[in-house]
Amino acid sequence: MVTAKTLIVLAVVYCLLIARVSNTVRGLRNVSPEGPCNKGELVFVGFCNLCLCNKEGKPNQLCATSWCPVKKRLPTRSELLNSSTSLPFS
């Protein structure tokens, strides 16, 4: 059984990985779940999910919605600091 503590640790590790990738790979851009993007391009979906684009010019749909809800704008610092950690996934 997966505990809440394990889920929180996994969420933190995922966020650190995303931050690391976004700092080392230049040119990543944010797109909506419907795209558009280029085949094989690595994009952020909703400022959270890092996904590859398929041949139809859309981010992989399983990836685009699996980790966190899609956001239309980057969260503010206060929103990030005040976010609930009791429910890391939606």
Protein backbone atom coordinates (compact mmCIF):
# COMPACT_ATOMS: atom_id res chain seq x y z
CA MET A 1 0.00 0.00 0.00
CA VAL A 2 1.29 3.44 -0.93
CA THR A 3 1.24 5.91 1.93
CA ALA A 4 0.64 9.65 1.74
CA LYS A 5 4.26 10.23 2.72
CA THR A 6 5.44 8.13 -0.24
CA LEU A 7 3.20 10.08 -2.62
CA ILE A 8 4.54 13.38 -1.31
CA VAL A 9 8.13 12.20 -1.73
CA LEU A 10 7.39 11.07 -5.29
CA ALA A 11 5.74 14.41 -6.10
CA VAL A 12 8.75 16.32 -4.76
CA VAL A 13 11.18 14.15 -6.73
CA TYR A 14 9.10 14.64 -9.88
CA CYS A 15 9.07 18.43 -9.40
CA LEU A 16 12.83 18.48 -8.86
CA LEU A 17 13.31 16.43 -12.02
CA ILE A 18 11.13 18.81 -14.02
CA ALA A 19 13.01 21.82 -12.63
CA ARG A 20 16.33 20.18 -13.49
CA VAL A 21 15.24 19.36 -17.04
CA SER A 22 13.78 22.82 -17.63
CA ASN A 23 17.00 24.45 -16.44
CA THR A 24 19.24 22.31 -18.64
CA VAL A 25 17.15 22.10 -21.81
CA ARG A 26 16.63 25.42 -23.55
CA GLY A 27 13.64 26.12 -25.74
CA LEU A 28 11.00 24.17 -23.83
CA ARG A 29 7.64 25.82 -24.22
CA ASN A 30 4.23 25.50 -22.67
CA VAL A 31 1.33 24.24 -24.80
CA SER A 32 -2.27 23.27 -24.21
CA PRO A 33 -3.24 19.56 -24.10
CA GLU A 34 -4.44 19.93 -27.72
CA GLY A 35 -1.11 21.34 -28.93
CA PRO A 36 0.07 22.43 -31.39
CA CYS A 37 3.61 21.08 -31.26
CA ASN A 38 6.07 19.33 -33.54
CA LYS A 39 6.47 15.56 -33.76
CA GLY A 40 9.03 14.45 -31.17
CA GLU A 41 9.20 17.86 -29.48
CA LEU A 42 9.50 17.94 -25.69
CA VAL A 43 6.97 20.43 -24.25
CA PHE A 44 5.40 21.42 -20.96
CA VAL A 45 1.64 20.93 -20.78
CA GLY A 46 -0.02 23.30 -18.32
CA PHE A 47 3.32 24.36 -16.80
CA CYS A 48 3.64 20.94 -15.18
CA ASN A 49 3.59 17.81 -17.31
CA LEU A 50 6.67 17.28 -19.50
CA CYS A 51 5.55 15.34 -22.58
CA LEU A 52 6.63 14.30 -26.06
CA CYS A 53 4.50 15.34 -29.02
CA ASN A 54 3.04 12.69 -31.30
CA LYS A 55 2.82 12.68 -35.10
CA GLU A 56 -0.57 14.44 -34.99
CA GLY A 57 1.05 17.52 -33.42
CA LYS A 58 -0.43 16.98 -29.96
CA PRO A 59 1.21 16.10 -26.65
CA ASN A 60 0.84 12.48 -25.55
CA GLN A 61 -2.61 12.58 -23.89
CA LEU A 62 -1.82 10.11 -21.12
CA CYS A 63 1.22 12.15 -20.15
CA ALA A 64 -0.59 15.48 -20.56
CA THR A 65 -3.09 14.69 -17.80
CA SER A 66 -1.35 12.16 -15.58
CA TRP A 67 0.63 14.20 -13.03
CA CYS A 68 -1.14 17.44 -12.33
CA PRO A 69 -4.03 19.54 -13.58
CA VAL A 70 -3.39 21.71 -16.62
CA LYS A 71 -2.93 25.38 -15.77
CA LYS A 72 -3.38 28.26 -18.18
CA ARG A 73 -0.81 30.43 -16.39
CA LEU A 74 2.26 29.97 -14.25
CA PRO A 75 1.33 29.82 -10.54
CA THR A 76 2.43 32.75 -8.39
CA ARG A 77 4.96 32.28 -5.60
CA SER A 78 2.26 32.67 -2.93
CA GLU A 79 0.03 30.11 -4.66
CA LEU A 80 2.89 27.61 -4.67
CA LEU A 81 3.73 28.26 -1.02
CA ASN A 82 0.09 27.99 0.09
CA SER A 83 -0.78 24.89 -1.94
CA SER A 84 -2.05 21.82 -0.13
CA THR A 85 0.31 18.86 0.18
CA SER A 86 -2.39 16.51 1.43
CA LEU A 87 -3.60 15.83 -2.13
CA PRO A 88 -0.54 15.88 -4.42
CA PHE A 89 -2.41 14.53 -7.46
CA SER A 90 -5.75 15.42 -8.98
